[in-house]
Amino acid sequence: MTAGLEAKLCLAVGARVMLRRNIDTKAGLVNGAIGTVLSIAAQHVTVQFDNVPAPCKIDKPMQLPSTSVRVCH
């Protein structure tokens, strides 16, 4: 675990997700915002948040080595 979070995160299109930190407070991308994964790419995940009108691309955190990010289908 890292800072109380699992070291590995498995995502799937259609999964419900929650932000664990503020990304853009003016846009409503705040800690606790809930959304649905629309697509998964190598460098980002596209999420439709319940409180935001347009889908958002969330960049893959750069501090994680690519070997620790696994895409689950």
PDB file of N, CA and C in Angstrom:
ATOM      1  N   MET A   1       0.840  -1.187   0.000  1.00  0.00           N
ATOM      2  CA  MET A   1       0.000   0.000   0.000  1.00  0.00           C
ATOM      3  C   MET A   1       0.880   1.244   0.000  1.00  0.00           C
ATOM      4  N   THR A   2       0.389   2.292  -0.631  1.00  0.00           N
ATOM      5  CA  THR A   2       1.097   3.556  -0.721  1.00  0.00           C
ATOM      6  C   THR A   2       0.192   4.649  -0.177  1.00  0.00           C
ATOM      7  N   ALA A   3       0.586   5.295   0.901  1.00  0.00           N
ATOM      8  CA  ALA A   3      -0.207   6.356   1.529  1.00  0.00           C
ATOM      9  C   ALA A   3      -1.638   5.889   1.801  1.00  0.00           C
ATOM     10  N   GLY A   4      -1.789   4.648   2.209  1.00  0.00           N
ATOM     11  CA  GLY A   4      -3.113   4.125   2.509  1.00  0.00           C
ATOM     12  C   GLY A   4      -3.874   3.618   1.308  1.00  0.00           C
ATOM     13  N   LEU A   5      -3.259   3.674   0.122  1.00  0.00           N
ATOM     14  CA  LEU A   5      -3.905   3.213  -1.105  1.00  0.00           C
ATOM     15  C   LEU A   5      -3.184   1.980  -1.624  1.00  0.00           C
ATOM     16  N   GLU A   6      -3.896   1.155  -2.336  1.00  0.00           N
ATOM     17  CA  GLU A   6      -3.280  -0.022  -2.945  1.00  0.00           C
ATOM     18  C   GLU A   6      -2.232   0.421  -3.962  1.00  0.00           C
ATOM     19  N   ALA A   7      -1.157  -0.343  -4.097  1.00  0.00           N
ATOM     20  CA  ALA A   7      -0.089  -0.016  -5.043  1.00  0.00           C
ATOM     21  C   ALA A   7      -0.511  -0.293  -6.478  1.00  0.00           C
ATOM     22  N   LYS A   8      -1.481  -1.172  -6.674  1.00  0.00           N
ATOM     23  CA  LYS A   8      -1.930  -1.547  -8.012  1.00  0.00           C
ATOM     24  C   LYS A   8      -3.414  -1.218  -8.139  1.00  0.00           C
ATOM     25  N   LEU A   9      -3.781  -0.604  -9.253  1.00  0.00           N
ATOM     26  CA  LEU A   9      -5.170  -0.244  -9.503  1.00  0.00           C
ATOM     27  C   LEU A   9      -5.609  -0.891 -10.804  1.00  0.00           C
ATOM     28  N   CYS A  10      -6.627  -1.708 -10.752  1.00  0.00           N
ATOM     29  CA  CYS A  10      -7.180  -2.322 -11.965  1.00  0.00           C
ATOM     30  C   CYS A  10      -8.438  -1.561 -12.347  1.00  0.00           C
ATOM     31  N   LEU A  11      -8.484  -1.094 -13.582  1.00  0.00           N
ATOM     32  CA  LEU A  11      -9.631  -0.339 -14.094  1.00  0.00           C
ATOM     33  C   LEU A  11     -10.253  -1.068 -15.260  1.00  0.00           C
ATOM     34  N   ALA A  12     -11.508  -0.770 -15.510  1.00  0.00           N
ATOM     35  CA  ALA A  12     -12.210  -1.298 -16.675  1.00  0.00           C
ATOM     36  C   ALA A  12     -13.168  -0.228 -17.160  1.00  0.00           C
ATOM     37  N   VAL A  13     -13.433  -0.210 -18.450  1.00  0.00           N
ATOM     38  CA  VAL A  13     -14.442   0.699 -18.992  1.00  0.00           C
ATOM     39  C   VAL A  13     -15.758   0.376 -18.293  1.00  0.00           C
ATOM     40  N   GLY A  14     -16.432   1.410 -17.829  1.00  0.00           N
ATOM     41  CA  GLY A  14     -17.687   1.242 -17.104  1.00  0.00           C
ATOM     42  C   GLY A  14     -17.521   1.224 -15.595  1.00  0.00           C
ATOM     43  N   ALA A  15     -16.271   1.140 -15.111  1.00  0.00           N
ATOM     44  CA  ALA A  15     -16.028   1.124 -13.666  1.00  0.00           C
ATOM     45  C   ALA A  15     -16.360   2.485 -13.064  1.00  0.00           C
ATOM     46  N   ARG A  16     -16.907   2.463 -11.866  1.00  0.00           N
ATOM     47  CA  ARG A  16     -17.147   3.695 -11.119  1.00  0.00           C
ATOM     48  C   ARG A  16     -15.873   4.007 -10.342  1.00  0.00           C
ATOM     49  N   VAL A  17     -15.447   5.266 -10.391  1.00  0.00           N
ATOM     50  CA  VAL A  17     -14.206   5.685  -9.744  1.00  0.00           C
ATOM     51  C   VAL A  17     -14.439   6.951  -8.931  1.00  0.00           C
ATOM     52  N   MET A  18     -13.538   7.197  -7.982  1.00  0.00           N
ATOM     53  CA  MET A  18     -13.619   8.396  -7.159  1.00  0.00           C
ATOM     54  C   MET A  18     -12.244   9.042  -7.100  1.00  0.00           C
ATOM     55  N   LEU A  19     -12.203  10.370  -7.269  1.00  0.00           N
ATOM     56  CA  LEU A  19     -10.938  11.092  -7.134  1.00  0.00           C
ATOM     57  C   LEU A  19     -10.516  11.089  -5.674  1.00  0.00           C
ATOM     58  N   ARG A  20      -9.231  10.953  -5.445  1.00  0.00           N
ATOM     59  CA  ARG A  20      -8.696  10.968  -4.084  1.00  0.00           C
ATOM     60  C   ARG A  20      -7.886  12.233  -3.812  1.00  0.00           C
ATOM     61  N   ARG A  21      -7.856  13.145  -4.783  1.00  0.00           N
ATOM     62  CA  ARG A  21      -7.196  14.438  -4.581  1.00  0.00           C
ATOM     63  C   ARG A  21      -7.826  15.453  -5.518  1.00  0.00           C
ATOM     64  N   ASN A  22      -7.652  16.727  -5.203  1.00  0.00           N
ATOM     65  CA  ASN A  22      -8.160  17.788  -6.063  1.00  0.00           C
ATOM     66  C   ASN A  22      -7.303  17.873  -7.321  1.00  0.00           C
ATOM     67  N   ILE A  23      -7.961  17.932  -8.472  1.00  0.00           N
ATOM     68  CA  ILE A  23      -7.260  18.109  -9.745  1.00  0.00           C
ATOM     69  C   ILE A  23      -7.521  19.509 -10.281  1.00  0.00           C
ATOM     70  N   ASP A  24      -8.793  19.934 -10.297  1.00  0.00           N
ATOM     71  CA  ASP A  24      -9.183  21.264 -10.772  1.00  0.00           C
ATOM     72  C   ASP A  24     -10.460  21.657 -10.033  1.00  0.00           C
ATOM     73  N   THR A  25     -10.299  22.428  -8.965  1.00  0.00           N
ATOM     74  CA  THR A  25     -11.451  22.752  -8.121  1.00  0.00           C
ATOM     75  C   THR A  25     -12.501  23.579  -8.856  1.00  0.00           C
ATOM     76  N   LYS A  26     -12.090  24.478  -9.745  1.00  0.00           N
ATOM     77  CA  LYS A  26     -13.058  25.295 -10.491  1.00  0.00           C
ATOM     78  C   LYS A  26     -13.914  24.450 -11.418  1.00  0.00           C
ATOM     79  N   ALA A  27     -13.348  23.369 -11.949  1.00  0.00           N
ATOM     80  CA  ALA A  27     -14.083  22.488 -12.866  1.00  0.00           C
ATOM     81  C   ALA A  27     -14.878  21.415 -12.125  1.00  0.00           C
ATOM     82  N   GLY A  28     -14.732  21.347 -10.798  1.00  0.00           N
ATOM     83  CA  GLY A  28     -15.452  20.337 -10.036  1.00  0.00           C
ATOM     84  C   GLY A  28     -14.709  19.024  -9.883  1.00  0.00           C
ATOM     85  N   LEU A  29     -13.439  18.993 -10.317  1.00  0.00           N
ATOM     86  CA  LEU A  29     -12.635  17.770 -10.186  1.00  0.00           C
ATOM     87  C   LEU A  29     -11.930  17.800  -8.836  1.00  0.00           C
ATOM     88  N   VAL A  30     -12.690  17.453  -7.808  1.00  0.00           N
ATOM     89  CA  VAL A  30     -12.229  17.568  -6.433  1.00  0.00           C
ATOM     90  C   VAL A  30     -12.232  16.208  -5.739  1.00  0.00           C
ATOM     91  N   ASN A  31     -11.510  16.133  -4.641  1.00  0.00           N
ATOM     92  CA  ASN A  31     -11.472  14.926  -3.830  1.00  0.00           C
ATOM     93  C   ASN A  31     -12.906  14.475  -3.535  1.00  0.00           C
ATOM     94  N   GLY A  32     -13.217  13.236  -3.880  1.00  0.00           N
ATOM     95  CA  GLY A  32     -14.549  12.687  -3.646  1.00  0.00           C
ATOM     96  C   GLY A  32     -15.454  12.698  -4.861  1.00  0.00           C
ATOM     97  N   ALA A  33     -15.051  13.387  -5.954  1.00  0.00           N
ATOM     98  CA  ALA A  33     -15.872  13.398  -7.173  1.00  0.00           C
ATOM     99  C   ALA A  33     -15.963  11.976  -7.731  1.00  0.00           C
ATOM    100  N   ILE A  34     -17.173  11.591  -8.147  1.00  0.00           N
ATOM    101  CA  ILE A  34     -17.421  10.224  -8.628  1.00  0.00           C
ATOM    102  C   ILE A  34     -17.737  10.276 -10.119  1.00  0.00           C
ATOM    103  N   GLY A  35     -17.225   9.286 -10.853  1.00  0.00           N
ATOM    104  CA  GLY A  35     -17.495   9.213 -12.284  1.00  0.00           C
ATOM    105  C   GLY A  35     -17.382   7.797 -12.804  1.00  0.00           C
ATOM    106  N   THR A  36     -17.545   7.682 -14.122  1.00  0.00           N
ATOM    107  CA  THR A  36     -17.511   6.393 -14.806  1.00  0.00           C
ATOM    108  C   THR A  36     -16.400   6.408 -15.845  1.00  0.00           C
ATOM    109  N   VAL A  37     -15.575   5.364 -15.867  1.00  0.00           N
ATOM    110  CA  VAL A  37     -14.491   5.247 -16.845  1.00  0.00           C
ATOM    111  C   VAL A  37     -15.100   5.024 -18.229  1.00  0.00           C
ATOM    112  N   LEU A  38     -14.737   5.895 -19.188  1.00  0.00           N
ATOM    113  CA  LEU A  38     -15.216   5.773 -20.569  1.00  0.00           C
ATOM    114  C   LEU A  38     -14.213   5.057 -21.459  1.00  0.00           C
ATOM    115  N   SER A  39     -12.920   5.350 -21.251  1.00  0.00           N
ATOM    116  CA  SER A  39     -11.885   4.705 -22.061  1.00  0.00           C
ATOM    117  C   SER A  39     -10.571   4.716 -21.299  1.00  0.00           C
ATOM    118  N   ILE A  40      -9.683   3.796 -21.707  1.00  0.00           N
ATOM    119  CA  ILE A  40      -8.373   3.668 -21.079  1.00  0.00           C
ATOM    120  C   ILE A  40      -7.328   3.667 -22.188  1.00  0.00           C
ATOM    121  N   ALA A  41      -6.355   4.588 -22.079  1.00  0.00           N
ATOM    122  CA  ALA A  41      -5.252   4.669 -23.039  1.00  0.00           C
ATOM    123  C   ALA A  41      -3.945   4.545 -22.259  1.00  0.00           C
ATOM    124  N   ALA A  42      -2.840   4.453 -22.979  1.00  0.00           N
ATOM    125  CA  ALA A  42      -1.539   4.261 -22.329  1.00  0.00           C
ATOM    126  C   ALA A  42      -1.192   5.400 -21.375  1.00  0.00           C
ATOM    127  N   GLN A  43      -1.519   6.635 -21.733  1.00  0.00           N
ATOM    128  CA  GLN A  43      -1.110   7.781 -20.928  1.00  0.00           C
ATOM    129  C   GLN A  43      -2.234   8.468 -20.164  1.00  0.00           C
ATOM    130  N   HIS A  44      -3.474   8.044 -20.352  1.00  0.00           N
ATOM    131  CA  HIS A  44      -4.570   8.685 -19.626  1.00  0.00           C
ATOM    132  C   HIS A  44      -5.800   7.776 -19.561  1.00  0.00           C
ATOM    133  N   VAL A  45      -6.695   8.147 -18.670  1.00  0.00           N
ATOM    134  CA  VAL A  45      -7.987   7.482 -18.532  1.00  0.00           C
ATOM    135  C   VAL A  45      -9.043   8.557 -18.743  1.00  0.00           C
ATOM    136  N   THR A  46     -10.054   8.296 -19.570  1.00  0.00           N
ATOM    137  CA  THR A  46     -11.132   9.256 -19.780  1.00  0.00           C
ATOM    138  C   THR A  46     -12.293   8.875 -18.881  1.00  0.00           C
ATOM    139  N   VAL A  47     -12.739   9.850 -18.081  1.00  0.00           N
ATOM    140  CA  VAL A  47     -13.792   9.619 -17.095  1.00  0.00           C
ATOM    141  C   VAL A  47     -14.894  10.652 -17.288  1.00  0.00           C
ATOM    142  N   GLN A  48     -16.141  10.204 -17.225  1.00  0.00           N
ATOM    143  CA  GLN A  48     -17.283  11.119 -17.194  1.00  0.00           C
ATOM    144  C   GLN A  48     -17.689  11.257 -15.731  1.00  0.00           C
ATOM    145  N   PHE A  49     -17.360  12.404 -15.133  1.00  0.00           N
ATOM    146  CA  PHE A  49     -17.721  12.632 -13.736  1.00  0.00           C
ATOM    147  C   PHE A  49     -19.176  13.066 -13.649  1.00  0.00           C
ATOM    148  N   ASP A  50     -19.835  12.640 -12.578  1.00  0.00           N
ATOM    149  CA  ASP A  50     -21.257  12.909 -12.403  1.00  0.00           C
ATOM    150  C   ASP A  50     -21.567  14.399 -12.357  1.00  0.00           C
ATOM    151  N   ASN A  51     -20.664  15.208 -11.811  1.00  0.00           N
ATOM    152  CA  ASN A  51     -20.913  16.636 -11.620  1.00  0.00           C
ATOM    153  C   ASN A  51     -20.248  17.524 -12.666  1.00  0.00           C
ATOM    154  N   VAL A  52     -19.686  16.943 -13.727  1.00  0.00           N
ATOM    155  CA  VAL A  52     -18.975  17.706 -14.761  1.00  0.00           C
ATOM    156  C   VAL A  52     -19.610  17.374 -16.105  1.00  0.00           C
ATOM    157  N   PRO A  53     -19.992  18.391 -16.910  1.00  0.00           N
ATOM    158  CA  PRO A  53     -20.720  18.110 -18.152  1.00  0.00           C
ATOM    159  C   PRO A  53     -19.927  17.375 -19.234  1.00  0.00           C
ATOM    160  N   ALA A  54     -18.629  17.616 -19.333  1.00  0.00           N
ATOM    161  CA  ALA A  54     -17.836  16.993 -20.406  1.00  0.00           C
ATOM    162  C   ALA A  54     -16.911  15.929 -19.827  1.00  0.00           C
ATOM    163  N   PRO A  55     -16.603  14.883 -20.601  1.00  0.00           N
ATOM    164  CA  PRO A  55     -15.644  13.872 -20.139  1.00  0.00           C
ATOM    165  C   PRO A  55     -14.278  14.502 -19.880  1.00  0.00           C
ATOM    166  N   CYS A  56     -13.526  13.939 -18.953  1.00  0.00           N
ATOM    167  CA  CYS A  56     -12.216  14.458 -18.567  1.00  0.00           C
ATOM    168  C   CYS A  56     -11.148  13.405 -18.797  1.00  0.00           C
ATOM    169  N   LYS A  57     -10.016  13.837 -19.334  1.00  0.00           N
ATOM    170  CA  LYS A  57      -8.864  12.945 -19.471  1.00  0.00           C
ATOM    171  C   LYS A  57      -7.995  13.131 -18.236  1.00  0.00           C
ATOM    172  N   ILE A  58      -7.784  12.044 -17.508  1.00  0.00           N
ATOM    173  CA  ILE A  58      -6.940  12.071 -16.315  1.00  0.00           C
ATOM    174  C   ILE A  58      -5.609  11.439 -16.704  1.00  0.00           C
ATOM    175  N   ASP A  59      -4.541  12.247 -16.654  1.00  0.00           N
ATOM    176  CA  ASP A  59      -3.223  11.748 -17.035  1.00  0.00           C
ATOM    177  C   ASP A  59      -2.720  10.722 -16.037  1.00  0.00           C
ATOM    178  N   LYS A  60      -1.983   9.748 -16.557  1.00  0.00           N
ATOM    179  CA  LYS A  60      -1.341   8.746 -15.707  1.00  0.00           C
ATOM    180  C   LYS A  60      -0.310   9.460 -14.845  1.00  0.00           C
ATOM    181  N   PRO A  61      -0.299   9.222 -13.538  1.00  0.00           N
ATOM    182  CA  PRO A  61       0.713   9.857 -12.686  1.00  0.00           C
ATOM    183  C   PRO A  61       2.115   9.495 -13.153  1.00  0.00           C
ATOM    184  N   MET A  62       2.968  10.491 -13.296  1.00  0.00           N
ATOM    185  CA  MET A  62       4.307  10.254 -13.819  1.00  0.00           C
ATOM    186  C   MET A  62       5.231   9.615 -12.786  1.00  0.00           C
ATOM    187  N   GLN A  63       4.908   9.703 -11.493  1.00  0.00           N
ATOM    188  CA  GLN A  63       5.791   9.111 -10.500  1.00  0.00           C
ATOM    189  C   GLN A  63       5.692   7.597 -10.464  1.00  0.00           C
ATOM    190  N   LEU A  64       4.699   7.018 -11.125  1.00  0.00           N
ATOM    191  CA  LEU A  64       4.572   5.567 -11.164  1.00  0.00           C
ATOM    192  C   LEU A  64       5.326   5.017 -12.365  1.00  0.00           C
ATOM    193  N   PRO A  65       6.215   4.068 -12.172  1.00  0.00           N
ATOM    194  CA  PRO A  65       6.843   3.442 -13.336  1.00  0.00           C
ATOM    195  C   PRO A  65       5.794   2.696 -14.145  1.00  0.00           C
ATOM    196  N   SER A  66       5.957   2.674 -15.446  1.00  0.00           N
ATOM    197  CA  SER A  66       4.941   2.064 -16.308  1.00  0.00           C
ATOM    198  C   SER A  66       4.741   0.592 -16.007  1.00  0.00           C
ATOM    199  N   THR A  67       5.733  -0.066 -15.433  1.00  0.00           N
ATOM    200  CA  THR A  67       5.581  -1.487 -15.119  1.00  0.00           C
ATOM    201  C   THR A  67       4.602  -1.719 -13.980  1.00  0.00           C
ATOM    202  N   SER A  68       4.295  -0.679 -13.192  1.00  0.00           N
ATOM    203  CA  SER A  68       3.373  -0.869 -12.079  1.00  0.00           C
ATOM    204  C   SER A  68       1.943  -0.492 -12.450  1.00  0.00           C
ATOM    205  N   VAL A  69       1.719  -0.085 -13.691  1.00  0.00           N
ATOM    206  CA  VAL A  69       0.370   0.235 -14.155  1.00  0.00           C
ATOM    207  C   VAL A  69      -0.077  -0.881 -15.078  1.00  0.00           C
ATOM    208  N   ARG A  70      -1.147  -1.558 -14.721  1.00  0.00           N
ATOM    209  CA  ARG A  70      -1.635  -2.690 -15.498  1.00  0.00           C
ATOM    210  C   ARG A  70      -3.071  -2.425 -15.915  1.00  0.00           C
ATOM    211  N   VAL A  71      -3.382  -2.638 -17.168  1.00  0.00           N
ATOM    212  CA  VAL A  71      -4.744  -2.465 -17.664  1.00  0.00           C
ATOM    213  C   VAL A  71      -5.455  -3.799 -17.558  1.00  0.00           C
ATOM    214  N   CYS A  72      -6.601  -3.811 -16.897  1.00  0.00           N
ATOM    215  CA  CYS A  72      -7.405  -5.028 -16.754  1.00  0.00           C
ATOM    216  C   CYS A  72      -8.633  -4.903 -17.641  1.00  0.00           C
ATOM    217  N   HIS A  73      -8.970  -5.939 -18.354  1.00  0.00           N
ATOM    218  CA  HIS A  73     -10.138  -5.915 -19.238  1.00  0.00           C
ATOM    219  C   HIS A  73     -11.246  -6.744 -18.648  1.00  0.00           C
TER     220      HIS A  73
END
